[in-house]
PDB file of N, CA and C in Angstrom:
ATOM      1  N   MET A   1       3.820  26.234 -15.993  1.00  0.00           N
ATOM      2  CA  MET A   1       4.540  25.807 -17.172  1.00  0.00           C
ATOM      3  C   MET A   1       3.795  25.990 -18.416  1.00  0.00           C
ATOM      4  N   ALA A   2       4.373  26.650 -19.314  1.00  0.00           N
ATOM      5  CA  ALA A   2       3.664  26.853 -20.794  1.00  0.00           C
ATOM      6  C   ALA A   2       4.708  26.673 -21.745  1.00  0.00           C
ATOM      7  N   TYR A   3       4.317  26.630 -23.006  1.00  0.00           N
ATOM      8  CA  TYR A   3       5.280  26.657 -24.135  1.00  0.00           C
ATOM      9  C   TYR A   3       4.802  27.791 -25.047  1.00  0.00           C
ATOM     10  N   LEU A   4       5.766  28.512 -25.282  1.00  0.00           N
ATOM     11  CA  LEU A   4       5.749  29.669 -26.245  1.00  0.00           C
ATOM     12  C   LEU A   4       5.923  29.152 -27.701  1.00  0.00           C
ATOM     13  N   ILE A   5       5.154  29.133 -28.600  1.00  0.00           N
ATOM     14  CA  ILE A   5       5.291  28.548 -29.911  1.00  0.00           C
ATOM     15  C   ILE A   5       5.853  29.603 -30.781  1.00  0.00           C
ATOM     16  N   CYS A   6       7.123  29.447 -31.201  1.00  0.00           N
ATOM     17  CA  CYS A   6       7.858  30.674 -31.919  1.00  0.00           C
ATOM     18  C   CYS A   6       8.499  30.081 -33.297  1.00  0.00           C
ATOM     19  N   GLY A   7       7.675  30.046 -34.371  1.00  0.00           N
ATOM     20  CA  GLY A   7       8.084  29.201 -35.473  1.00  0.00           C
ATOM     21  C   GLY A   7       7.935  27.794 -35.377  1.00  0.00           C
ATOM     22  N   ASP A   8       9.104  27.138 -35.552  1.00  0.00           N
ATOM     23  CA  ASP A   8       9.083  25.683 -35.243  1.00  0.00           C
ATOM     24  C   ASP A   8       9.673  25.252 -33.987  1.00  0.00           C
ATOM     25  N   ARG A   9       9.780  26.216 -33.046  1.00  0.00           N
ATOM     26  CA  ARG A   9      10.222  25.980 -31.753  1.00  0.00           C
ATOM     27  C   ARG A   9       9.231  26.037 -30.644  1.00  0.00           C
ATOM     28  N   ASN A  10       9.307  25.345 -29.501  1.00  0.00           N
ATOM     29  CA  ASN A  10       8.532  25.457 -28.380  1.00  0.00           C
ATOM     30  C   ASN A  10       9.309  25.888 -27.272  1.00  0.00           C
ATOM     31  N   ILE A  11       9.266  27.127 -26.876  1.00  0.00           N
ATOM     32  CA  ILE A  11      10.027  27.633 -25.868  1.00  0.00           C
ATOM     33  C   ILE A  11       9.374  27.523 -24.512  1.00  0.00           C
ATOM     34  N   PRO A  12       9.959  26.767 -23.569  1.00  0.00           N
ATOM     35  CA  PRO A  12       9.253  26.613 -22.291  1.00  0.00           C
ATOM     36  C   PRO A  12       9.428  27.978 -21.498  1.00  0.00           C
ATOM     37  N   VAL A  13       8.119  28.302 -20.749  1.00  0.00           N
ATOM     38  CA  VAL A  13       8.065  29.399 -19.943  1.00  0.00           C
ATOM     39  C   VAL A  13       7.586  28.962 -18.474  1.00  0.00           C
ATOM     40  N   MET A  14       8.237  29.270 -17.562  1.00  0.00           N
ATOM     41  CA  MET A  14       7.833  28.683 -16.110  1.00  0.00           C
ATOM     42  C   MET A  14       7.629  29.845 -15.124  1.00  0.00           C
ATOM     43  N   GLY A  15       6.522  29.774 -14.426  1.00  0.00           N
ATOM     44  CA  GLY A  15       6.276  30.588 -13.372  1.00  0.00           C
ATOM     45  C   GLY A  15       6.530  29.907 -12.072  1.00  0.00           C
ATOM     46  N   LEU A  16       7.269  30.603 -11.237  1.00  0.00           N
ATOM     47  CA  LEU A  16       7.566  29.838  -9.928  1.00  0.00           C
ATOM     48  C   LEU A  16       6.978  30.562  -8.870  1.00  0.00           C
ATOM     49  N   PRO A  17       6.383  29.871  -7.700  1.00  0.00           N
ATOM     50  CA  PRO A  17       6.177  30.606  -6.543  1.00  0.00           C
ATOM     51  C   PRO A  17       7.301  31.172  -5.700  1.00  0.00           C
ATOM     52  N   GLY A  18       7.100  31.901  -4.807  1.00  0.00           N
ATOM     53  CA  GLY A  18       8.114  32.286  -3.790  1.00  0.00           C
ATOM     54  C   GLY A  18       8.809  31.369  -3.032  1.00  0.00           C
ATOM     55  N   CYS A  19       8.261  30.249  -2.800  1.00  0.00           N
ATOM     56  CA  CYS A  19       8.847  29.183  -1.957  1.00  0.00           C
ATOM     57  C   CYS A  19      10.006  28.630  -2.623  1.00  0.00           C
ATOM     58  N   VAL A  20      10.113  28.797  -3.793  1.00  0.00           N
ATOM     59  CA  VAL A  20      11.358  28.306  -4.490  1.00  0.00           C
ATOM     60  C   VAL A  20      12.581  29.081  -4.083  1.00  0.00           C
ATOM     61  N   MET A  21      12.381  30.238  -3.490  1.00  0.00           N
ATOM     62  CA  MET A  21      13.563  30.861  -2.970  1.00  0.00           C
ATOM     63  C   MET A  21      13.909  30.360  -1.739  1.00  0.00           C
ATOM     64  N   TYR A  22      13.025  29.833  -0.867  1.00  0.00           N
ATOM     65  CA  TYR A  22      13.344  29.459   0.405  1.00  0.00           C
ATOM     66  C   TYR A  22      13.454  27.991   0.655  1.00  0.00           C
ATOM     67  N   ALA A  23      12.797  27.188  -0.096  1.00  0.00           N
ATOM     68  CA  ALA A  23      12.791  25.654   0.122  1.00  0.00           C
ATOM     69  C   ALA A  23      14.091  25.114  -0.428  1.00  0.00           C
ATOM     70  N   LYS A  24      14.730  24.231   0.257  1.00  0.00           N
ATOM     71  CA  LYS A  24      15.893  23.709  -0.245  1.00  0.00           C
ATOM     72  C   LYS A  24      15.790  22.864  -1.623  1.00  0.00           C
ATOM     73  N   ARG A  25      14.728  22.099  -1.502  1.00  0.00           N
ATOM     74  CA  ARG A  25      14.395  21.333  -2.809  1.00  0.00           C
ATOM     75  C   ARG A  25      12.995  21.369  -3.065  1.00  0.00           C
ATOM     76  N   THR A  26      12.682  21.610  -4.358  1.00  0.00           N
ATOM     77  CA  THR A  26      11.140  21.608  -4.753  1.00  0.00           C
ATOM     78  C   THR A  26      10.923  20.846  -6.015  1.00  0.00           C
ATOM     79  N   ILE A  27       9.795  20.849  -6.482  1.00  0.00           N
ATOM     80  CA  ILE A  27       9.395  20.080  -7.719  1.00  0.00           C
ATOM     81  C   ILE A  27      10.119  20.764  -9.037  1.00  0.00           C
ATOM     82  N   PHE A  28      10.555  22.087  -8.807  1.00  0.00           N
ATOM     83  CA  PHE A  28      11.441  22.749  -9.852  1.00  0.00           C
ATOM     84  C   PHE A  28      12.716  22.154  -9.942  1.00  0.00           C
ATOM     85  N   ASP A  29      13.237  21.528  -8.940  1.00  0.00           N
ATOM     86  CA  ASP A  29      14.542  20.626  -9.107  1.00  0.00           C
ATOM     87  C   ASP A  29      14.458  19.395 -10.042  1.00  0.00           C
ATOM     88  N   LEU A  30      13.102  18.981 -10.081  1.00  0.00           N
ATOM     89  CA  LEU A  30      12.779  17.705 -10.845  1.00  0.00           C
ATOM     90  C   LEU A  30      12.542  18.153 -12.296  1.00  0.00           C
ATOM     91  N   ILE A  31      11.965  19.250 -12.455  1.00  0.00           N
ATOM     92  CA  ILE A  31      11.437  19.700 -13.835  1.00  0.00           C
ATOM     93  C   ILE A  31      12.664  20.412 -14.662  1.00  0.00           C
ATOM     94  N   LEU A  32      13.393  21.200 -13.875  1.00  0.00           N
ATOM     95  CA  LEU A  32      14.341  21.896 -14.628  1.00  0.00           C
ATOM     96  C   LEU A  32      15.250  20.925 -15.450  1.00  0.00           C
ATOM     97  N   PRO A  33      15.774  19.846 -14.967  1.00  0.00           N
ATOM     98  CA  PRO A  33      16.700  19.128 -15.937  1.00  0.00           C
ATOM     99  C   PRO A  33      15.949  18.678 -17.150  1.00  0.00           C
ATOM    100  N   ARG A  34      14.659  18.191 -17.032  1.00  0.00           N
ATOM    101  CA  ARG A  34      13.929  17.856 -18.111  1.00  0.00           C
ATOM    102  C   ARG A  34      13.721  18.982 -19.219  1.00  0.00           C
ATOM    103  N   VAL A  35      13.437  20.329 -18.811  1.00  0.00           N
ATOM    104  CA  VAL A  35      13.321  21.336 -19.568  1.00  0.00           C
ATOM    105  C   VAL A  35      14.555  21.642 -20.353  1.00  0.00           C
ATOM    106  N   MET A  36      15.682  21.595 -19.565  1.00  0.00           N
ATOM    107  CA  MET A  36      17.075  21.868 -20.195  1.00  0.00           C
ATOM    108  C   MET A  36      17.515  20.725 -21.096  1.00  0.00           C
ATOM    109  N   ALA A  37      16.937  19.531 -21.029  1.00  0.00           N
ATOM    110  CA  ALA A  37      17.160  18.501 -21.907  1.00  0.00           C
ATOM    111  C   ALA A  37      16.171  18.456 -23.114  1.00  0.00           C
ATOM    112  N   ASP A  38      15.274  19.592 -23.107  1.00  0.00           N
ATOM    113  CA  ASP A  38      14.360  19.634 -24.215  1.00  0.00           C
ATOM    114  C   ASP A  38      13.330  18.622 -24.325  1.00  0.00           C
ATOM    115  N   ASP A  39      12.973  17.970 -23.006  1.00  0.00           N
ATOM    116  CA  ASP A  39      11.984  16.966 -22.697  1.00  0.00           C
ATOM    117  C   ASP A  39      10.633  17.698 -22.418  1.00  0.00           C
ATOM    118  N   ALA A  40       9.572  17.513 -23.275  1.00  0.00           N
ATOM    119  CA  ALA A  40       8.463  18.206 -22.962  1.00  0.00           C
ATOM    120  C   ALA A  40       7.642  17.677 -21.683  1.00  0.00           C
ATOM    121  N   VAL A  41       7.215  18.577 -20.887  1.00  0.00           N
ATOM    122  CA  VAL A  41       6.580  18.081 -19.746  1.00  0.00           C
ATOM    123  C   VAL A  41       5.186  18.463 -19.900  1.00  0.00           C
ATOM    124  N   SER A  42       4.124  17.484 -19.629  1.00  0.00           N
ATOM    125  CA  SER A  42       2.755  17.577 -19.710  1.00  0.00           C
ATOM    126  C   SER A  42       2.165  18.235 -18.569  1.00  0.00           C
ATOM    127  N   ALA A  43       0.954  18.659 -18.612  1.00  0.00           N
ATOM    128  CA  ALA A  43       0.272  19.071 -17.437  1.00  0.00           C
ATOM    129  C   ALA A  43      -0.071  17.903 -16.518  1.00  0.00           C
ATOM    130  N   GLU A  44      -0.325  16.763 -17.302  1.00  0.00           N
ATOM    131  CA  GLU A  44      -0.695  15.548 -16.472  1.00  0.00           C
ATOM    132  C   GLU A  44       0.638  15.130 -15.545  1.00  0.00           C
ATOM    133  N   GLU A  45       1.732  15.259 -15.904  1.00  0.00           N
ATOM    134  CA  GLU A  45       2.982  14.985 -15.131  1.00  0.00           C
ATOM    135  C   GLU A  45       3.143  15.908 -14.068  1.00  0.00           C
ATOM    136  N   LEU A  46       2.875  17.247 -14.315  1.00  0.00           N
ATOM    137  CA  LEU A  46       2.930  18.294 -13.241  1.00  0.00           C
ATOM    138  C   LEU A  46       1.988  18.088 -12.199  1.00  0.00           C
ATOM    139  N   ALA A  47       0.871  17.644 -12.627  1.00  0.00           N
ATOM    140  CA  ALA A  47      -0.210  17.425 -11.724  1.00  0.00           C
ATOM    141  C   ALA A  47       0.096  16.241 -10.660  1.00  0.00           C
ATOM    142  N   ALA A  48       0.580  15.106 -11.211  1.00  0.00           N
ATOM    143  CA  ALA A  48       1.054  14.031 -10.556  1.00  0.00           C
ATOM    144  C   ALA A  48       2.207  14.357  -9.659  1.00  0.00           C
ATOM    145  N   LEU A  49       3.033  15.140 -10.006  1.00  0.00           N
ATOM    146  CA  LEU A  49       4.152  15.635  -9.155  1.00  0.00           C
ATOM    147  C   LEU A  49       3.704  16.437  -7.899  1.00  0.00           C
ATOM    148  N   GLY A  50       2.513  17.104  -8.161  1.00  0.00           N
ATOM    149  CA  GLY A  50       2.010  18.062  -7.019  1.00  0.00           C
ATOM    150  C   GLY A  50       1.476  17.257  -6.033  1.00  0.00           C
ATOM    151  N   GLU A  51       1.230  16.028  -6.205  1.00  0.00           N
ATOM    152  CA  GLU A  51       0.672  15.162  -5.154  1.00  0.00           C
ATOM    153  C   GLU A  51       1.638  14.382  -4.378  1.00  0.00           C
ATOM    154  N   GLY A  52       2.973  14.636  -4.764  1.00  0.00           N
ATOM    155  CA  GLY A  52       4.050  13.808  -4.103  1.00  0.00           C
ATOM    156  C   GLY A  52       4.364  14.461  -2.769  1.00  0.00           C
ATOM    157  N   GLY A  53       5.176  13.678  -2.062  1.00  0.00           N
ATOM    158  CA  GLY A  53       5.655  14.167  -0.790  1.00  0.00           C
ATOM    159  C   GLY A  53       6.643  15.205  -0.806  1.00  0.00           C
ATOM    160  N   LEU A  54       6.737  15.857   0.310  1.00  0.00           N
ATOM    161  CA  LEU A  54       7.831  16.989   0.397  1.00  0.00           C
ATOM    162  C   LEU A  54       9.159  16.294   0.646  1.00  0.00           C
ATOM    163  N   CYS A  55      10.083  17.093   0.175  1.00  0.00           N
ATOM    164  CA  CYS A  55      11.484  16.715   0.494  1.00  0.00           C
ATOM    165  C   CYS A  55      11.720  16.926   1.994  1.00  0.00           C
ATOM    166  N   LEU A  56      12.168  15.872   2.640  1.00  0.00           N
ATOM    167  CA  LEU A  56      12.410  16.053   4.134  1.00  0.00           C
ATOM    168  C   LEU A  56      13.833  16.360   4.550  1.00  0.00           C
ATOM    169  N   SER A  57      14.658  16.686   3.505  1.00  0.00           N
ATOM    170  CA  SER A  57      16.068  16.997   3.676  1.00  0.00           C
ATOM    171  C   SER A  57      16.672  16.009   4.679  1.00  0.00           C
ATOM    172  N   CYS A  58      16.576  14.753   4.280  1.00  0.00           N
ATOM    173  CA  CYS A  58      17.303  13.745   5.208  1.00  0.00           C
ATOM    174  C   CYS A  58      18.777  13.911   5.029  1.00  0.00           C
ATOM    175  N   PRO A  59      19.276  13.422   6.234  1.00  0.00           N
ATOM    176  CA  PRO A  59      20.875  13.543   6.401  1.00  0.00           C
ATOM    177  C   PRO A  59      21.570  12.902   5.172  1.00  0.00           C
ATOM    178  N   GLU A  60      21.033  11.818   4.855  1.00  0.00           N
ATOM    179  CA  GLU A  60      21.666  11.081   3.703  1.00  0.00           C
ATOM    180  C   GLU A  60      20.484  10.846   2.528  1.00  0.00           C
ATOM    181  N   CYS A  61      20.585  11.635   1.579  1.00  0.00           N
ATOM    182  CA  CYS A  61      19.586  11.621   0.543  1.00  0.00           C
ATOM    183  C   CYS A  61      19.498  10.340  -0.207  1.00  0.00           C
ATOM    184  N   THR A  62      18.210   9.748  -0.365  1.00  0.00           N
ATOM    185  CA  THR A  62      18.050   8.588  -0.989  1.00  0.00           C
ATOM    186  C   THR A  62      17.246   8.750  -2.215  1.00  0.00           C
ATOM    187  N   PHE A  63      17.008   9.940  -2.701  1.00  0.00           N
ATOM    188  CA  PHE A  63      16.180  10.080  -3.913  1.00  0.00           C
ATOM    189  C   PHE A  63      16.735   9.501  -5.001  1.00  0.00           C
ATOM    190  N   PRO A  64      16.064   8.746  -5.913  1.00  0.00           N
ATOM    191  CA  PRO A  64      14.541   8.772  -6.048  1.00  0.00           C
ATOM    192  C   PRO A  64      13.805   7.706  -5.136  1.00  0.00           C
ATOM    193  N   ASN A  65      14.485   7.041  -4.334  1.00  0.00           N
ATOM    194  CA  ASN A  65      13.873   6.020  -3.484  1.00  0.00           C
ATOM    195  C   ASN A  65      13.237   6.640  -2.283  1.00  0.00           C
ATOM    196  N   CYS A  66      12.426   7.573  -2.404  1.00  0.00           N
ATOM    197  CA  CYS A  66      11.642   8.391  -1.263  1.00  0.00           C
ATOM    198  C   CYS A  66      10.290   8.955  -1.904  1.00  0.00           C
ATOM    199  N   GLY A  67       9.508   9.627  -1.055  1.00  0.00           N
ATOM    200  CA  GLY A  67       8.188  10.135  -1.651  1.00  0.00           C
ATOM    201  C   GLY A  67       8.230  11.287  -2.276  1.00  0.00           C
ATOM    202  N   PHE A  68       9.485  12.094  -2.312  1.00  0.00           N
ATOM    203  CA  PHE A  68       9.594  13.291  -2.951  1.00  0.00           C
ATOM    204  C   PHE A  68       9.259  13.359  -4.355  1.00  0.00           C
ATOM    205  N   GLY A  69       8.149  14.106  -4.951  1.00  0.00           N
ATOM    206  CA  GLY A  69       7.914  14.280  -6.106  1.00  0.00           C
ATOM    207  C   GLY A  69       7.220  12.966  -6.806  1.00  0.00           C
ATOM    208  N   LYS A  70       6.609  12.100  -6.042  1.00  0.00           N
ATOM    209  CA  LYS A  70       5.895  10.936  -6.529  1.00  0.00           C
ATOM    210  C   LYS A  70       4.439  11.151  -6.357  1.00  0.00           C
ATOM    211  N   GLY A  71       3.490  10.894  -7.369  1.00  0.00           N
ATOM    212  CA  GLY A  71       2.238  10.765  -7.029  1.00  0.00           C
ATOM    213  C   GLY A  71       1.825   9.833  -6.288  1.00  0.00           C
ATOM    214  N   ARG A  72       0.669   9.831  -5.543  1.00  0.00           N
ATOM    215  CA  ARG A  72       0.210   8.769  -4.632  1.00  0.00           C
ATOM    216  C   ARG A  72      -0.671   7.807  -5.481  1.00  0.00           C
TER     217      ARG A  72
END
């Protein structure tokens, strides 16, 4: 995740690994809504999400009351 400074705008640029194509849910699903809402995402926030649990694709989703995307 990076920001391209273009005049007075910060344009988000995201690089995604191939697993995004195959995993049902990833951290990308948590970040994209923030990017679309023009909410800046810091490197520290991304690092914390990287330590979160994997989505277990429970039969009944209880997100955000689960370990998915939460730092330890």
